[in-house]
PDB file of all heavy atoms in Angstrom:
ATOM      1  N   LYS A   1       0.860  -1.179   0.000  1.00  0.00           N
ATOM      2  CA  LYS A   1       0.000   0.000   0.000  1.00  0.00           C
ATOM      3  C   LYS A   1       0.898   1.233   0.000  1.00  0.00           C
ATOM      4  O   LYS A   1       2.086   1.136   0.305  1.00  0.00           O
ATOM      5  CB  LYS A   1      -0.947  -0.008   1.199  1.00  0.00           C
ATOM      6  CG  LYS A   1      -0.255   0.018   2.544  1.00  0.00           C
ATOM      7  CD  LYS A   1      -1.300  -0.079   3.645  1.00  0.00           C
ATOM      8  CE  LYS A   1      -0.623  -0.141   5.012  1.00  0.00           C
ATOM      9  NZ  LYS A   1      -1.606  -0.276   6.089  1.00  0.00           N
ATOM     10  N   PRO A   2       0.344   2.391  -0.353  1.00  0.00           N
ATOM     11  CA  PRO A   2       1.168   3.593  -0.421  1.00  0.00           C
ATOM     12  C   PRO A   2       1.640   4.033   0.957  1.00  0.00           C
ATOM     13  O   PRO A   2       0.926   3.897   1.952  1.00  0.00           O
ATOM     14  CB  PRO A   2       0.235   4.633  -1.052  1.00  0.00           C
ATOM     15  CG  PRO A   2      -1.138   4.125  -0.817  1.00  0.00           C
ATOM     16  CD  PRO A   2      -1.043   2.646  -0.739  1.00  0.00           C
ATOM     17  N   GLY A   3       2.857   4.549   0.990  1.00  0.00           N
ATOM     18  CA  GLY A   3       3.403   5.145   2.209  1.00  0.00           C
ATOM     19  C   GLY A   3       3.338   6.651   2.060  1.00  0.00           C
ATOM     20  O   GLY A   3       2.272   7.243   2.112  1.00  0.00           O
ATOM     21  N   GLY A   4       4.473   7.238   1.807  1.00  0.00           N
ATOM     22  CA  GLY A   4       4.568   8.677   1.610  1.00  0.00           C
ATOM     23  C   GLY A   4       5.961   9.142   1.988  1.00  0.00           C
ATOM     24  O   GLY A   4       6.398   8.913   3.106  1.00  0.00           O
ATOM     25  N   CYS A   5       6.640   9.750   1.056  1.00  0.00           N
ATOM     26  CA  CYS A   5       7.987  10.252   1.317  1.00  0.00           C
ATOM     27  C   CYS A   5       8.219  11.500   0.455  1.00  0.00           C
ATOM     28  O   CYS A   5       7.368  11.877  -0.349  1.00  0.00           O
ATOM     29  CB  CYS A   5       9.034   9.174   1.020  1.00  0.00           C
ATOM     30  SG  CYS A   5       9.221   8.730  -0.722  1.00  0.00           S
ATOM     31  N   LYS A   6       9.386  12.091   0.635  1.00  0.00           N
ATOM     32  CA  LYS A   6       9.717  13.299  -0.121  1.00  0.00           C
ATOM     33  C   LYS A   6       9.771  13.045  -1.630  1.00  0.00           C
ATOM     34  O   LYS A   6       9.337  13.866  -2.418  1.00  0.00           O
ATOM     35  CB  LYS A   6      11.069  13.827   0.365  1.00  0.00           C
ATOM     36  CG  LYS A   6      11.085  15.272   0.683  1.00  0.00           C
ATOM     37  CD  LYS A   6      12.449  15.687   1.222  1.00  0.00           C
ATOM     38  CE  LYS A   6      12.356  17.136   1.629  1.00  0.00           C
ATOM     39  NZ  LYS A   6      13.573  17.617   2.228  1.00  0.00           N
ATOM     40  N   LYS A   7      10.300  11.859  -2.022  1.00  0.00           N
ATOM     41  CA  LYS A   7      10.466  11.555  -3.450  1.00  0.00           C
ATOM     42  C   LYS A   7       9.134  11.504  -4.205  1.00  0.00           C
ATOM     43  O   LYS A   7       9.077  11.809  -5.381  1.00  0.00           O
ATOM     44  CB  LYS A   7      11.220  10.245  -3.644  1.00  0.00           C
ATOM     45  CG  LYS A   7      12.692  10.366  -3.354  1.00  0.00           C
ATOM     46  CD  LYS A   7      13.417   9.111  -3.752  1.00  0.00           C
ATOM     47  CE  LYS A   7      14.907   9.280  -3.519  1.00  0.00           C
ATOM     48  NZ  LYS A   7      15.666   8.121  -3.957  1.00  0.00           N
ATOM     49  N   CYS A   8       8.054  11.087  -3.514  1.00  0.00           N
ATOM     50  CA  CYS A   8       6.743  10.988  -4.177  1.00  0.00           C
ATOM     51  C   CYS A   8       5.812  12.106  -3.727  1.00  0.00           C
ATOM     52  O   CYS A   8       4.602  12.030  -3.943  1.00  0.00           O
ATOM     53  CB  CYS A   8       6.108   9.622  -3.914  1.00  0.00           C
ATOM     54  SG  CYS A   8       5.723   9.286  -2.195  1.00  0.00           S
ATOM     55  N   ASP A   9       6.373  13.120  -3.112  1.00  0.00           N
ATOM     56  CA  ASP A   9       5.601  14.264  -2.621  1.00  0.00           C
ATOM     57  C   ASP A   9       4.535  13.814  -1.614  1.00  0.00           C
ATOM     58  O   ASP A   9       3.429  14.325  -1.578  1.00  0.00           O
ATOM     59  CB  ASP A   9       4.966  15.025  -3.793  1.00  0.00           C
ATOM     60  CG  ASP A   9       4.699  16.483  -3.474  1.00  0.00           C
ATOM     61  OD1 ASP A   9       5.275  16.994  -2.497  1.00  0.00           O
ATOM     62  OD2 ASP A   9       3.893  17.097  -4.200  1.00  0.00           O
ATOM     63  N   PHE A  10       4.894  12.789  -0.830  1.00  0.00           N
ATOM     64  CA  PHE A  10       4.062  12.256   0.259  1.00  0.00           C
ATOM     65  C   PHE A  10       2.723  11.682  -0.211  1.00  0.00           C
ATOM     66  O   PHE A  10       1.785  11.593   0.563  1.00  0.00           O
ATOM     67  CB  PHE A  10       3.876  13.306   1.357  1.00  0.00           C
ATOM     68  CG  PHE A  10       5.177  13.736   1.947  1.00  0.00           C
ATOM     69  CD1 PHE A  10       5.803  14.896   1.516  1.00  0.00           C
ATOM     70  CD2 PHE A  10       5.813  12.956   2.901  1.00  0.00           C
ATOM     71  CE1 PHE A  10       7.022  15.287   2.038  1.00  0.00           C
ATOM     72  CE2 PHE A  10       7.043  13.326   3.425  1.00  0.00           C
ATOM     73  CZ  PHE A  10       7.653  14.493   2.997  1.00  0.00           C
ATOM     74  N   SER A  11       2.662  11.251  -1.475  1.00  0.00           N
ATOM     75  CA  SER A  11       1.430  10.648  -1.991  1.00  0.00           C
ATOM     76  C   SER A  11       1.460   9.124  -1.916  1.00  0.00           C
ATOM     77  O   SER A  11       0.417   8.481  -1.930  1.00  0.00           O
ATOM     78  CB  SER A  11       1.196  11.060  -3.448  1.00  0.00           C
ATOM     79  OG  SER A  11       2.173  10.446  -4.280  1.00  0.00           O
ATOM     80  N   GLY A  12       2.662   8.543  -1.904  1.00  0.00           N
ATOM     81  CA  GLY A  12       2.800   7.095  -1.930  1.00  0.00           C
ATOM     82  C   GLY A  12       2.884   6.536  -3.340  1.00  0.00           C
ATOM     83  O   GLY A  12       3.115   5.344  -3.533  1.00  0.00           O
ATOM     84  N   TYR A  13       2.687   7.397  -4.329  1.00  0.00           N
ATOM     85  CA  TYR A  13       2.717   6.972  -5.735  1.00  0.00           C
ATOM     86  C   TYR A  13       3.698   7.847  -6.509  1.00  0.00           C
ATOM     87  O   TYR A  13       3.832   9.031  -6.236  1.00  0.00           O
ATOM     88  CB  TYR A  13       1.330   7.096  -6.371  1.00  0.00           C
ATOM     89  CG  TYR A  13       0.303   6.180  -5.753  1.00  0.00           C
ATOM     90  CD1 TYR A  13      -0.553   6.621  -4.756  1.00  0.00           C
ATOM     91  CD2 TYR A  13       0.194   4.859  -6.179  1.00  0.00           C
ATOM     92  CE1 TYR A  13      -1.498   5.785  -4.192  1.00  0.00           C
ATOM     93  CE2 TYR A  13      -0.749   4.011  -5.618  1.00  0.00           C
ATOM     94  CZ  TYR A  13      -1.588   4.480  -4.627  1.00  0.00           C
ATOM     95  OH  TYR A  13      -2.520   3.644  -4.068  1.00  0.00           O
ATOM     96  N   LYS A  14       4.378   7.225  -7.476  1.00  0.00           N
ATOM     97  CA  LYS A  14       5.318   7.968  -8.310  1.00  0.00           C
ATOM     98  C   LYS A  14       5.206   7.455  -9.737  1.00  0.00           C
ATOM     99  O   LYS A  14       5.642   6.353 -10.049  1.00  0.00           O
ATOM    100  CB  LYS A  14       6.732   7.790  -7.781  1.00  0.00           C
ATOM    101  CG  LYS A  14       7.754   8.691  -8.432  1.00  0.00           C
ATOM    102  CD  LYS A  14       9.051   8.649  -7.650  1.00  0.00           C
ATOM    103  CE  LYS A  14      10.139   9.428  -8.309  1.00  0.00           C
ATOM    104  NZ  LYS A  14       9.950  10.832  -8.389  1.00  0.00           N
ATOM    105  N   GLY A  15       4.540   8.223 -10.583  1.00  0.00           N
ATOM    106  CA  GLY A  15       4.363   7.843 -11.979  1.00  0.00           C
ATOM    107  C   GLY A  15       3.123   6.997 -12.196  1.00  0.00           C
ATOM    108  O   GLY A  15       2.383   6.687 -11.259  1.00  0.00           O
ATOM    109  N   ARG A  16       2.921   6.644 -13.459  1.00  0.00           N
ATOM    110  CA  ARG A  16       1.770   5.834 -13.865  1.00  0.00           C
ATOM    111  C   ARG A  16       2.215   4.808 -14.898  1.00  0.00           C
ATOM    112  O   ARG A  16       3.267   4.943 -15.512  1.00  0.00           O
ATOM    113  CB  ARG A  16       0.679   6.715 -14.473  1.00  0.00           C
ATOM    114  CG  ARG A  16       0.059   7.672 -13.477  1.00  0.00           C
ATOM    115  CD  ARG A  16      -1.014   8.510 -14.155  1.00  0.00           C
ATOM    116  NE  ARG A  16      -1.539   9.497 -13.250  1.00  0.00           N
ATOM    117  CZ  ARG A  16      -2.661   9.361 -12.556  1.00  0.00           C
ATOM    118  NH1 ARG A  16      -3.383   8.274 -12.682  1.00  0.00           N
ATOM    119  NH2 ARG A  16      -3.078  10.310 -11.758  1.00  0.00           N
ATOM    120  N   PHE A  17       1.387   3.814 -15.085  1.00  0.00           N
ATOM    121  CA  PHE A  17       1.605   2.838 -16.153  1.00  0.00           C
ATOM    122  C   PHE A  17       0.243   2.424 -16.699  1.00  0.00           C
ATOM    123  O   PHE A  17      -0.786   2.627 -16.052  1.00  0.00           O
ATOM    124  CB  PHE A  17       2.418   1.627 -15.674  1.00  0.00           C
ATOM    125  CG  PHE A  17       1.751   0.808 -14.605  1.00  0.00           C
ATOM    126  CD1 PHE A  17       1.049  -0.340 -14.931  1.00  0.00           C
ATOM    127  CD2 PHE A  17       1.837   1.180 -13.269  1.00  0.00           C
ATOM    128  CE1 PHE A  17       0.433  -1.097 -13.946  1.00  0.00           C
ATOM    129  CE2 PHE A  17       1.236   0.426 -12.276  1.00  0.00           C
ATOM    130  CZ  PHE A  17       0.531  -0.716 -12.617  1.00  0.00           C
ATOM    131  N   ALA A  18       0.239   1.858 -17.887  1.00  0.00           N
ATOM    132  CA  ALA A  18      -1.017   1.469 -18.539  1.00  0.00           C
ATOM    133  C   ALA A  18      -1.293  -0.015 -18.320  1.00  0.00           C
ATOM    134  O   ALA A  18      -0.385  -0.840 -18.345  1.00  0.00           O
ATOM    135  CB  ALA A  18      -0.953   1.761 -20.029  1.00  0.00           C
ATOM    136  N   VAL A  19      -2.549  -0.315 -18.091  1.00  0.00           N
ATOM    137  CA  VAL A  19      -3.033  -1.695 -18.125  1.00  0.00           C
ATOM    138  C   VAL A  19      -4.118  -1.734 -19.192  1.00  0.00           C
ATOM    139  O   VAL A  19      -4.782  -0.725 -19.436  1.00  0.00           O
ATOM    140  CB  VAL A  19      -3.569  -2.184 -16.767  1.00  0.00           C
ATOM    141  CG1 VAL A  19      -2.453  -2.315 -15.755  1.00  0.00           C
ATOM    142  CG2 VAL A  19      -4.658  -1.276 -16.236  1.00  0.00           C
ATOM    143  N   TYR A  20      -4.277  -2.873 -19.820  1.00  0.00           N
ATOM    144  CA  TYR A  20      -5.222  -2.916 -20.928  1.00  0.00           C
ATOM    145  C   TYR A  20      -5.737  -4.327 -21.145  1.00  0.00           C
ATOM    146  O   TYR A  20      -5.189  -5.305 -20.631  1.00  0.00           O
ATOM    147  CB  TYR A  20      -4.582  -2.395 -22.205  1.00  0.00           C
ATOM    148  CG  TYR A  20      -3.291  -3.087 -22.546  1.00  0.00           C
ATOM    149  CD1 TYR A  20      -3.287  -4.234 -23.326  1.00  0.00           C
ATOM    150  CD2 TYR A  20      -2.076  -2.613 -22.070  1.00  0.00           C
ATOM    151  CE1 TYR A  20      -2.114  -4.886 -23.616  1.00  0.00           C
ATOM    152  CE2 TYR A  20      -0.883  -3.255 -22.357  1.00  0.00           C
ATOM    153  CZ  TYR A  20      -0.917  -4.391 -23.134  1.00  0.00           C
ATOM    154  OH  TYR A  20       0.250  -5.046 -23.421  1.00  0.00           O
ATOM    155  N   GLU A  21      -6.815  -4.395 -21.906  1.00  0.00           N
ATOM    156  CA  GLU A  21      -7.329  -5.658 -22.397  1.00  0.00           C
ATOM    157  C   GLU A  21      -7.632  -5.457 -23.877  1.00  0.00           C
ATOM    158  O   GLU A  21      -8.065  -4.378 -24.280  1.00  0.00           O
ATOM    159  CB  GLU A  21      -8.561  -6.124 -21.620  1.00  0.00           C
ATOM    160  CG  GLU A  21      -9.729  -5.179 -21.657  1.00  0.00           C
ATOM    161  CD  GLU A  21     -10.849  -5.538 -20.695  1.00  0.00           C
ATOM    162  OE1 GLU A  21     -10.651  -6.351 -19.785  1.00  0.00           O
ATOM    163  OE2 GLU A  21     -11.948  -4.987 -20.873  1.00  0.00           O
ATOM    164  N   ILE A  22      -7.372  -6.487 -24.656  1.00  0.00           N
ATOM    165  CA  ILE A  22      -7.623  -6.422 -26.094  1.00  0.00           C
ATOM    166  C   ILE A  22      -8.543  -7.577 -26.453  1.00  0.00           C
ATOM    167  O   ILE A  22      -8.215  -8.741 -26.221  1.00  0.00           O
ATOM    168  CB  ILE A  22      -6.322  -6.520 -26.911  1.00  0.00           C
ATOM    169  CG1 ILE A  22      -5.361  -5.399 -26.510  1.00  0.00           C
ATOM    170  CG2 ILE A  22      -6.625  -6.479 -28.410  1.00  0.00           C
ATOM    171  CD1 ILE A  22      -3.983  -5.521 -27.127  1.00  0.00           C
ATOM    172  N   LEU A  23      -9.704  -7.235 -26.989  1.00  0.00           N
ATOM    173  CA  LEU A  23     -10.691  -8.234 -27.380  1.00  0.00           C
ATOM    174  C   LEU A  23     -10.704  -8.331 -28.899  1.00  0.00           C
ATOM    175  O   LEU A  23     -11.103  -7.392 -29.590  1.00  0.00           O
ATOM    176  CB  LEU A  23     -12.077  -7.832 -26.868  1.00  0.00           C
ATOM    177  CG  LEU A  23     -13.251  -8.679 -27.334  1.00  0.00           C
ATOM    178  CD1 LEU A  23     -13.074 -10.133 -26.916  1.00  0.00           C
ATOM    179  CD2 LEU A  23     -14.546  -8.108 -26.775  1.00  0.00           C
ATOM    180  N   TYR A  24     -10.203  -9.448 -29.411  1.00  0.00           N
ATOM    181  CA  TYR A  24     -10.257  -9.692 -30.843  1.00  0.00           C
ATOM    182  C   TYR A  24     -11.611 -10.306 -31.162  1.00  0.00           C
ATOM    183  O   TYR A  24     -12.016 -11.285 -30.543  1.00  0.00           O
ATOM    184  CB  TYR A  24      -9.128 -10.633 -31.279  1.00  0.00           C
ATOM    185  CG  TYR A  24      -7.775 -10.009 -31.122  1.00  0.00           C
ATOM    186  CD1 TYR A  24      -6.996 -10.262 -30.000  1.00  0.00           C
ATOM    187  CD2 TYR A  24      -7.281  -9.124 -32.075  1.00  0.00           C
ATOM    188  CE1 TYR A  24      -5.753  -9.669 -29.837  1.00  0.00           C
ATOM    189  CE2 TYR A  24      -6.044  -8.536 -31.936  1.00  0.00           C
ATOM    190  CZ  TYR A  24      -5.286  -8.807 -30.803  1.00  0.00           C
ATOM    191  OH  TYR A  24      -4.070  -8.210 -30.653  1.00  0.00           O
ATOM    192  N   THR A  25     -12.313  -9.704 -32.112  1.00  0.00           N
ATOM    193  CA  THR A  25     -13.632 -10.210 -32.453  1.00  0.00           C
ATOM    194  C   THR A  25     -13.515 -11.388 -33.419  1.00  0.00           C
ATOM    195  O   THR A  25     -12.654 -11.401 -34.296  1.00  0.00           O
ATOM    196  CB  THR A  25     -14.505  -9.104 -33.076  1.00  0.00           C
ATOM    197  OG1 THR A  25     -13.834  -8.563 -34.219  1.00  0.00           O
ATOM    198  CG2 THR A  25     -14.767  -7.996 -32.088  1.00  0.00           C
TER     199      THR A  25
END
């Protein structure tokens, strides 16, 4: 779970990434 520190501006999160699903018809 998120903590919080100076590097992440105390949010517990740093950056984003994509998740996806691909449905071939």
